[in-house]
Protein backbone atom coordinates (compact mmCIF):
# COMPACT_ATOMS: atom_id res chain seq x y z
CA MET A 1 163.93 50.47 117.01
CA ASN A 2 165.95 50.31 113.78
CA GLU A 3 164.91 48.22 110.79
CA GLU A 4 167.59 45.59 111.37
CA LEU A 5 166.33 44.82 114.88
CA LYS A 6 162.73 44.79 113.64
CA ASN A 7 163.65 42.22 111.01
CA ILE A 8 165.40 40.03 113.61
CA PHE A 9 162.36 40.07 115.90
CA ARG A 10 160.07 39.40 112.95
CA VAL A 11 162.09 36.30 111.98
CA PHE A 12 162.02 35.05 115.59
CA ASP A 13 158.24 35.53 115.74
CA GLU A 14 157.73 33.67 112.47
CA GLN A 15 159.92 30.77 113.59
CA ASN A 16 158.14 30.55 116.94
CA ASN A 17 154.70 30.62 115.31
CA GLU A 18 155.73 27.90 112.87
CA LEU A 19 157.06 25.73 115.71
CA GLN A 20 153.85 26.14 117.71
CA ARG A 21 151.76 25.31 114.63
CA LYS A 22 153.82 22.17 113.98
CA LEU A 23 153.55 21.10 117.61
CA GLN A 24 149.78 21.48 117.57
CA GLN A 25 149.49 19.54 114.30
CA ASP A 26 151.56 16.66 115.67
CA LEU A 27 149.70 16.67 118.99
CA THR A 28 146.41 16.47 117.10
CA ALA A 29 147.77 13.57 115.06
CA VAL A 30 148.71 11.62 118.19
CA ILE A 31 145.32 12.23 119.80
CA GLU A 32 143.47 11.26 116.62
CA LEU A 33 145.51 8.06 116.52
CA LEU A 34 144.29 7.21 120.00
CA LYS A 35 140.70 7.98 119.03
CA THR A 36 140.94 5.85 115.88
CA GLU A 37 142.40 2.90 117.77
CA SER A 38 139.56 2.97 120.28
CA LYS A 39 136.59 3.16 117.85
CA ASP A 40 135.94 -0.57 117.87
CA GLU A 41 136.15 -0.89 121.65
CA PRO A 42 133.11 -0.51 123.90
CA CYS A 43 133.37 2.64 125.99
CA THR A 44 131.13 3.75 128.79
CA ASP A 45 131.20 7.52 128.99
CA LEU A 46 131.77 9.00 132.40
CA LYS A 47 129.30 11.60 133.64
CA THR A 48 130.08 14.98 132.19
CA GLU A 49 128.25 17.04 134.78
CA LYS A 50 130.26 18.11 137.84
CA PRO A 51 128.76 16.56 140.99
CA THR A 52 128.28 18.54 144.14
CA VAL A 53 131.22 17.78 146.40
CA GLU A 54 131.41 18.57 150.09
CA ALA A 55 134.50 20.47 151.20
CA HIS A 56 135.88 17.43 153.07
CA GLU A 57 135.27 14.95 150.23
CA LEU A 58 138.29 13.83 148.24
CA LYS A 59 138.20 12.43 144.72
CA THR A 60 139.38 8.86 144.29
CA VAL A 61 141.85 8.50 141.41
CA ASP A 62 143.91 5.75 139.79
CA ILE A 63 147.06 7.43 138.49
CA GLY A 64 148.96 10.62 139.30
CA LEU A 65 151.68 12.57 137.51
CA ILE A 66 153.96 15.04 139.25
CA VAL A 67 154.65 17.81 136.72
CA HIS A 68 156.67 21.01 136.38
CA ALA A 69 154.97 24.12 137.68
CA SER A 70 156.60 26.31 135.02
CA ARG A 71 156.83 24.17 131.86
CA HIS A 72 153.52 25.20 130.33
CA HIS A 73 154.26 23.73 126.88
CA TRP A 74 154.80 20.32 128.51
CA PHE A 75 151.71 20.68 130.71
CA ILE A 76 149.30 21.57 127.91
CA ALA A 77 150.30 18.64 125.72
CA MET A 78 150.36 16.28 128.69
CA LYS A 79 146.80 17.22 129.66
CA GLN A 80 145.44 16.57 126.18
CA ILE A 81 147.26 13.27 125.68
CA MET A 82 146.54 11.92 129.16
CA GLN A 83 142.88 12.89 128.81
CA GLU A 84 142.63 10.59 125.79
CA VAL A 85 144.50 7.83 127.63
CA ALA A 86 142.09 8.21 130.56
CA ARG A 87 139.10 8.00 128.22
CA LYS A 88 140.28 4.98 126.28
CA TYR A 89 141.30 2.94 129.32
CA LYS A 90 138.64 4.28 131.72
CA LYS A 91 141.06 5.62 134.32
CA ARG A 92 140.96 8.71 136.50
CA MET A 93 144.25 10.62 136.35
CA VAL A 94 145.47 13.73 138.17
CA LEU A 95 148.29 16.14 137.33
CA PHE A 96 149.85 18.07 140.20
CA THR A 97 153.07 19.61 141.53
CA VAL A 98 155.00 18.37 144.53
CA ASN A 99 153.84 21.46 146.45
CA ASP A 100 150.23 20.27 146.08
CA ILE A 101 150.90 17.09 148.08
CA ASP A 102 149.75 17.07 151.71
CA LEU A 103 151.23 13.92 153.23
CA ASP A 104 149.85 14.56 156.71
CA LYS A 105 146.27 14.54 155.40
CA SER A 106 146.96 12.00 152.62
CA LYS A 107 145.59 14.30 149.94
CA ILE A 108 146.47 16.44 146.96
CA ASP A 109 145.19 20.00 146.73
CA ASN A 110 144.28 21.70 143.45
CA ALA A 111 145.05 18.71 141.25
CA VAL A 112 143.91 18.70 137.61
CA LEU A 113 141.56 15.74 137.24
CA LEU A 114 141.31 14.00 133.86
CA ASP A 115 138.58 11.38 133.68
CA GLY A 116 138.26 10.98 129.92
CA SER A 117 135.36 13.37 129.48
CA LYS A 118 136.18 16.54 131.34
CA GLU A 119 138.93 18.42 133.12
CA GLU A 120 138.49 20.02 136.53
CA VAL A 121 140.52 21.20 139.49
CA VAL A 122 139.84 19.04 142.55
CA ASN A 123 141.19 17.89 145.88
CA SER A 124 141.97 14.19 145.59
CA GLN A 125 143.32 11.29 147.51
CA ILE A 126 146.94 10.42 146.85
CA PRO A 127 146.79 7.95 143.94
CA PRO A 128 148.25 4.46 144.39
CA LEU A 129 150.44 4.91 141.28
CA ILE A 130 152.47 8.09 140.67
CA PHE A 131 154.91 9.03 137.91
CA ASN A 132 157.41 11.79 138.73
CA PHE A 133 158.41 14.07 135.85
CA VAL A 134 160.47 16.53 137.90
CA LEU A 135 164.07 16.70 139.12
CA HIS A 136 163.62 18.16 142.62
CA SER A 137 166.32 20.35 144.14
CA LYS A 138 164.66 22.06 147.11
CA THR A 139 165.27 20.29 150.41
CA SER A 140 161.56 20.32 151.25
CA SER A 141 160.64 18.77 147.89
CA VAL A 142 163.33 16.10 148.12
CA SER A 143 162.17 15.22 151.63
CA LYS A 144 158.55 15.02 150.53
CA MET A 145 159.42 12.76 147.59
CA ARG A 146 161.41 10.48 149.88
CA LYS A 147 158.47 10.13 152.28
CA LEU A 148 156.12 9.55 149.36
CA ARG A 149 158.28 6.70 148.05
CA MET A 150 158.37 5.13 151.51
CA ALA A 151 154.59 5.32 151.97
CA LYS A 152 152.71 2.02 152.02
CA HIS A 153 150.32 1.22 149.19
CA ILE A 154 151.85 3.94 146.93
CA LYS A 155 154.10 3.05 144.00
CA VAL A 156 156.24 5.96 142.77
CA ILE A 157 157.86 5.66 139.34
CA ASN A 158 160.87 7.96 139.52
CA PRO A 159 162.97 7.95 136.35
CA ILE A 160 164.18 11.47 137.17
CA ASN A 161 167.44 11.13 139.02
CA LYS A 162 171.06 12.21 138.98
CA PHE A 163 172.19 8.65 138.43
CA TYR A 164 175.71 7.64 139.41
CA GLN A 165 177.21 6.86 136.03
CA ASN A 166 179.92 4.52 137.26
CA VAL A 167 177.33 2.45 139.15
CA LEU A 168 175.13 2.18 136.05
CA PHE A 169 178.16 1.30 133.91
CA ASP A 170 179.07 -1.41 136.44
CA MET A 171 175.52 -2.80 136.20
CA ILE A 172 175.53 -2.75 132.41
CA SER A 173 178.99 -4.33 132.21
CA GLY A 174 177.39 -7.53 133.49
CA ILE A 175 176.07 -8.15 129.96
CA THR A 176 178.60 -10.03 127.85
CA GLN A 177 177.66 -8.02 124.76
CA THR A 178 178.64 -4.74 126.45
CA ASN A 179 182.28 -5.34 125.59
CA ASP A 180 181.26 -4.00 122.19
CA PHE A 181 179.85 -0.65 123.34
CA LEU A 182 181.37 0.11 126.77
CA LEU A 183 184.64 2.04 126.75
CA PRO A 184 187.32 1.58 129.43
CA TYR A 185 186.40 3.74 132.44
CA ILE A 186 187.47 4.38 136.03
CA MET A 187 186.77 6.90 138.77
CA LEU A 188 189.13 9.89 138.86
CA THR A 189 191.80 9.85 141.58
CA ALA A 190 195.43 10.90 141.50
CA THR A 191 196.50 7.26 141.25
CA SER A 192 193.91 6.20 138.64
CA LEU A 193 194.72 9.23 136.48
CA LYS A 194 198.39 8.30 136.43
CA THR A 195 197.59 4.70 135.43
CA PHE A 196 194.84 5.59 132.94
CA SER A 197 196.93 8.24 131.16
CA LYS A 198 199.73 5.70 130.69
CA LYS A 199 197.32 3.35 128.87
CA HIS A 200 195.35 5.94 126.89
CA ASP A 201 196.70 9.02 125.11
CA ARG A 202 193.20 10.50 124.74
CA PHE A 203 190.34 10.35 127.24
CA TYR A 204 187.41 12.25 128.72
CA VAL A 205 186.66 13.47 132.21
CA LEU A 206 182.90 13.21 132.82
CA PRO A 207 180.78 14.02 135.91
CA GLN A 208 179.95 10.96 137.97
CA ARG A 209 176.33 12.09 138.24
CA ALA A 210 174.34 12.82 135.09
CA LYS A 211 172.98 16.34 135.19
CA LYS A 212 171.69 19.09 132.98
CA LYS A 213 174.26 20.63 130.67
CA CYS A 214 176.81 17.90 131.32
CA ARG A 215 180.12 18.86 129.70
CA ALA A 216 183.09 16.62 129.00
CA ILE A 217 186.68 17.66 129.60
CA VAL A 218 188.78 16.30 126.73
CA ILE A 219 192.35 15.25 127.54
CA LYS A 220 194.94 14.60 124.83
CA LYS A 221 198.62 13.75 125.17
CA VAL A 222 200.43 16.19 122.88
CA ASN A 223 204.06 15.56 123.70
CA SER A 224 206.05 12.80 125.36
CA ASN A 225 209.75 12.42 126.01
CA GLU A 226 212.09 10.97 128.60
CA ASP A 227 211.89 14.04 130.81
CA SER A 228 208.15 14.85 130.83
CA GLU A 229 204.77 14.45 129.15
CA GLN A 230 202.43 17.24 128.10
CA TYR A 231 198.65 17.12 127.97
CA GLU A 232 196.10 19.37 126.33
CA ILE A 233 192.98 20.07 128.43
CA LYS A 234 189.87 21.26 126.57
CA LEU A 235 186.50 22.22 128.01
CA GLY A 236 184.22 24.08 125.60
CA ASN A 237 186.33 26.96 124.30
CA PHE A 238 188.81 26.69 127.18
CA ARG A 239 192.21 25.21 126.31
CA GLN A 240 195.30 24.63 128.43
CA VAL A 241 198.53 22.63 128.05
CA VAL A 242 200.16 21.25 131.20
CA VAL A 243 202.95 18.84 132.06
CA GLY A 244 201.96 15.41 133.32
CA GLU A 245 202.92 16.16 136.94
CA LYS A 246 200.36 19.00 137.04
CA LEU A 247 197.52 17.26 135.15
CA TYR A 248 195.65 16.08 138.26
CA LYS A 249 195.96 19.43 140.01
CA SER A 250 194.74 21.26 136.89
CA LEU A 251 191.74 18.93 136.52
CA LYS A 252 190.77 19.35 140.18
CA LYS A 253 190.65 23.11 139.64
CA LEU A 254 188.11 22.56 136.87
CA VAL A 255 185.93 19.94 138.55
CA ARG A 256 186.45 21.20 142.12
CA ASP A 257 184.85 18.81 144.60
CA LYS A 258 182.76 16.93 142.03
CA LYS A 259 183.47 13.26 141.56
CA CYS A 260 184.29 12.33 137.97
CA MET A 261 184.96 9.38 135.68
CA LEU A 262 187.75 8.86 133.20
CA VAL A 263 186.54 7.37 129.91
CA LYS A 264 188.67 6.45 126.91
CA ASP A 265 188.32 8.66 123.82
CA PRO A 266 187.54 6.39 120.81
CA LEU A 267 188.27 9.12 118.22
CA PRO A 268 184.61 9.80 117.33
CA VAL A 269 183.21 11.29 114.14
CA ASN A 270 182.26 14.96 114.24
CA TRP A 271 179.09 16.90 113.51
CA ASN A 272 179.22 20.72 113.39
CA TYR A 273 182.79 20.83 114.67
CA SER A 274 182.47 18.56 117.71
CA PRO A 275 181.81 14.84 118.33
CA LEU A 276 178.44 13.59 117.10
CA GLU A 277 176.23 12.67 120.07
CA ILE A 278 173.35 10.25 119.51
CA ARG A 279 170.63 9.99 122.13
CA GLY A 280 168.41 6.93 122.11
CA TYR A 281 165.06 7.02 123.94
CA VAL A 282 163.91 3.67 125.32
CA GLN A 283 160.51 3.23 126.98
CA LYS A 284 158.25 0.47 128.20
CA ASN A 285 155.05 0.07 126.21
CA ILE A 286 151.47 -0.90 127.07
CA ASN A 287 152.65 -4.52 127.38
CA GLY A 288 155.51 -3.65 129.71
CA GLN A 289 158.14 -4.39 127.04
CA TRP A 290 161.11 -2.16 126.23
CA GLU A 291 161.04 -0.35 122.87
CA LEU A 292 163.40 2.13 121.23
CA LEU A 293 161.23 5.19 120.55
CA ASP A 294 163.67 7.26 118.52
CA LEU A 295 167.27 8.33 117.94
CA ILE A 296 168.28 11.98 117.64
CA ALA A 297 171.53 13.81 117.02
CA LYS A 298 172.36 16.48 119.60
CA LYS A 299 175.12 18.79 120.81
CA GLU A 300 175.51 18.97 124.57
CA ILE A 301 178.37 17.02 126.13
CA PHE A 302 181.00 18.40 123.76
CA ALA A 303 179.37 21.77 122.95
CA LYS A 304 181.73 24.74 122.57
CA ASP A 305 179.68 27.81 123.52
CA SER A 306 178.55 28.40 119.96
CA ILE A 307 175.32 28.73 118.01
CA TYR A 308 175.20 24.92 117.88
CA ASP A 309 174.91 24.50 121.67
CA GLY A 310 171.87 22.48 122.64
CA SER A 311 170.90 21.94 119.01
CA THR A 312 169.51 18.75 117.55
CA GLY A 313 169.40 17.33 114.05
CA GLU A 314 167.80 14.64 111.94
CA LEU A 315 170.03 11.68 112.62
CA ALA A 316 169.26 9.77 109.43
CA GLU A 317 170.37 12.70 107.26
CA ILE A 318 173.55 13.19 109.27
CA LEU A 319 174.50 9.51 109.23
CA LEU A 320 173.81 9.25 105.49
CA GLU A 321 176.50 11.87 104.93
CA ILE A 322 179.00 10.22 107.26
CA PHE A 323 178.24 6.49 106.86
CA PRO A 324 176.16 6.10 103.69
CA ASP A 325 176.81 2.36 103.48
CA GLN A 326 176.44 1.51 107.17
CA LEU A 327 173.33 3.43 108.26
CA SER A 328 171.10 0.40 108.93
CA ASN A 329 173.86 -1.58 110.63
CA LEU A 330 174.81 1.33 112.90
CA LYS A 331 171.21 1.99 113.93
CA LYS A 332 170.77 -1.72 114.71
CA LYS A 333 173.90 -1.69 116.88
CA ILE A 334 172.58 1.28 118.85
CA HIS A 335 169.12 -0.30 119.11
CA ASP A 336 170.51 -3.58 120.45
CA ALA A 337 172.86 -1.82 122.88
CA ALA A 338 170.08 0.41 124.27
CA ILE A 339 167.61 -2.47 124.70
CA ASP A 340 170.22 -4.74 126.30
CA ALA A 341 171.24 -1.99 128.71
CA SER A 342 167.59 -1.23 129.56
CA LEU A 343 166.91 -4.87 130.39
CA ILE A 344 169.77 -5.04 132.88
CA LEU A 345 168.89 -1.67 134.44
CA ASP A 346 165.30 -2.85 134.86
CA PHE A 347 166.63 -5.68 137.02
CA TYR A 348 168.38 -3.25 139.41
CA ILE A 349 165.95 -0.31 139.13
CA PRO A 350 162.44 -1.82 138.82
CA ASN A 351 159.68 0.15 137.06
CA ILE A 352 161.98 2.89 135.76
CA GLY A 353 159.92 2.84 132.55
CA SER A 354 161.91 5.45 130.57
CA CYS A 355 165.64 5.70 129.85
CA TYR A 356 167.93 7.55 127.50
CA PHE A 357 171.39 6.54 126.34
CA ASP A 358 173.97 8.90 124.86
CA PHE A 359 176.34 7.36 122.33
CA ILE A 360 179.30 8.55 120.31
CA VAL A 361 180.47 6.76 117.15
CA ASP A 362 184.02 6.02 116.03
CA LEU A 363 185.34 6.21 112.48
CA ASP A 364 184.43 2.55 111.86
CA ALA A 365 180.77 3.17 112.71
CA ASN A 366 180.94 1.52 116.13
CA PRO A 367 178.75 3.17 118.83
CA TYR A 368 180.00 3.64 122.39
CA LEU A 369 177.93 4.47 125.44
CA LEU A 370 178.85 7.71 127.16
CA ARG A 371 175.97 8.54 129.50
CA VAL A 372 172.77 7.01 130.90
CA GLY A 373 169.71 8.83 132.19
CA GLY A 374 166.05 8.34 133.02
CA ALA A 375 163.20 10.44 131.65
CA GLU A 376 164.07 13.41 129.42
CA GLN A 377 164.50 16.75 131.20
CA GLU A 378 165.75 18.84 128.31
CA ASN A 379 163.89 20.23 125.28
CA PHE A 380 165.66 18.01 122.74
CA LEU A 381 162.46 16.11 121.96
CA TYR A 382 160.43 19.32 121.89
CA GLU A 383 162.22 20.15 118.63
CA HIS A 384 161.04 16.78 117.27
CA SER A 385 157.43 17.34 118.23
CA LEU A 386 155.80 14.17 116.93
CA THR A 387 158.35 12.01 118.76
CA TRP A 388 157.95 14.18 121.86
CA HIS A 389 154.20 13.68 121.95
CA LYS A 390 154.62 9.93 121.41
CA TYR A 391 157.09 9.99 124.30
CA ILE A 392 154.44 11.42 126.62
CA LEU A 393 151.86 8.99 125.25
CA ASN A 394 154.12 6.00 125.97
CA ILE A 395 154.50 7.11 129.57
CA GLY A 396 150.72 7.16 129.89
CA LEU A 397 150.42 3.70 128.33
CA TYR A 398 153.08 2.26 130.63
CA LEU A 399 151.19 3.66 133.63
CA ILE A 400 148.05 1.91 132.34
CA PHE A 401 150.03 -1.35 132.18
CA LEU A 402 151.20 -0.94 135.79
CA SER A 403 147.74 0.11 136.99
CA ASN A 404 146.09 -2.94 135.41
CA LYS A 405 148.87 -5.19 136.66
CA ASP A 406 148.28 -4.14 140.26
């Protein structure tokens, strides 16, 4: 191996070690915060010795979390944080995968039990309250989750979903204030495209269902005369110019059979050569009230196959460069929009508990909603480790609220 390659690998190793060190420091800080908050509260320690359990005996538990089988960095932090939540609030929690669920025997095999004092692998009863962290794609897993949600005496919190964006936008549009942050939108058809393109010279084509690595197709009218109109189509680094009569046919080649929405382009500000995307994380707290956890800058929807793909940034620093005099006002607008939208979604989708909202911002510092989702499935928060650990903690606290409520 030549010296240049050795240096590259050395830099990668150093960066990875530094990230892991930072993650552990922030995780420790979150756990210590929990310990500090609980010092003045009476706490009865659970038995630390492992009792003798017959093969047919199942552990009784209060709360369950369905987790990823392969995301070890999520699992390790989740175990430590949920262990402290279990200790402080005297709950028995289990972490498990969907494959561990045996619906026929009403049990979970090989679940990780957290009781506030120890961690052990057990067979348990199916808990009455379950939070799903995983987007399931296998037919068997989807079927099992559907049966689990239909089971009596089991409440499944399922913020992981490929939500229909037009349906969520229709729900949110019921709020009078949304006229300020909802752009004109309509489902893509040959007829709607013709009408929409007459009203708007620039617009986006977005997937109807929110999914990983969602990319926007950007449409811009570049020429118009009595004989014909021309449109530029951009998707990542792909670019094509077509006449108006062929616009629908060209778009269908790109999206194939996927249903899509048309959304007006508000001429947003840029960050690293593409529109600035702001994701707001909203969660319910220990009191069951919605709170905005954090705002981050990210590159995803408009990414162009470059080194910036999937990257995140410190939003405050970015906004200070772009809108130095409107930072507080802009953040308040996003905060109010996210909370208002969460309140209306909570009416239609009870107990969702965690949402994210993707915004873009125009040149006058007005935010516009572009996409809605449930719990985070990407690693955007992993790069902001303290926020990420607080995100997991808030999920645990919301589950405590629901458990005590029932």
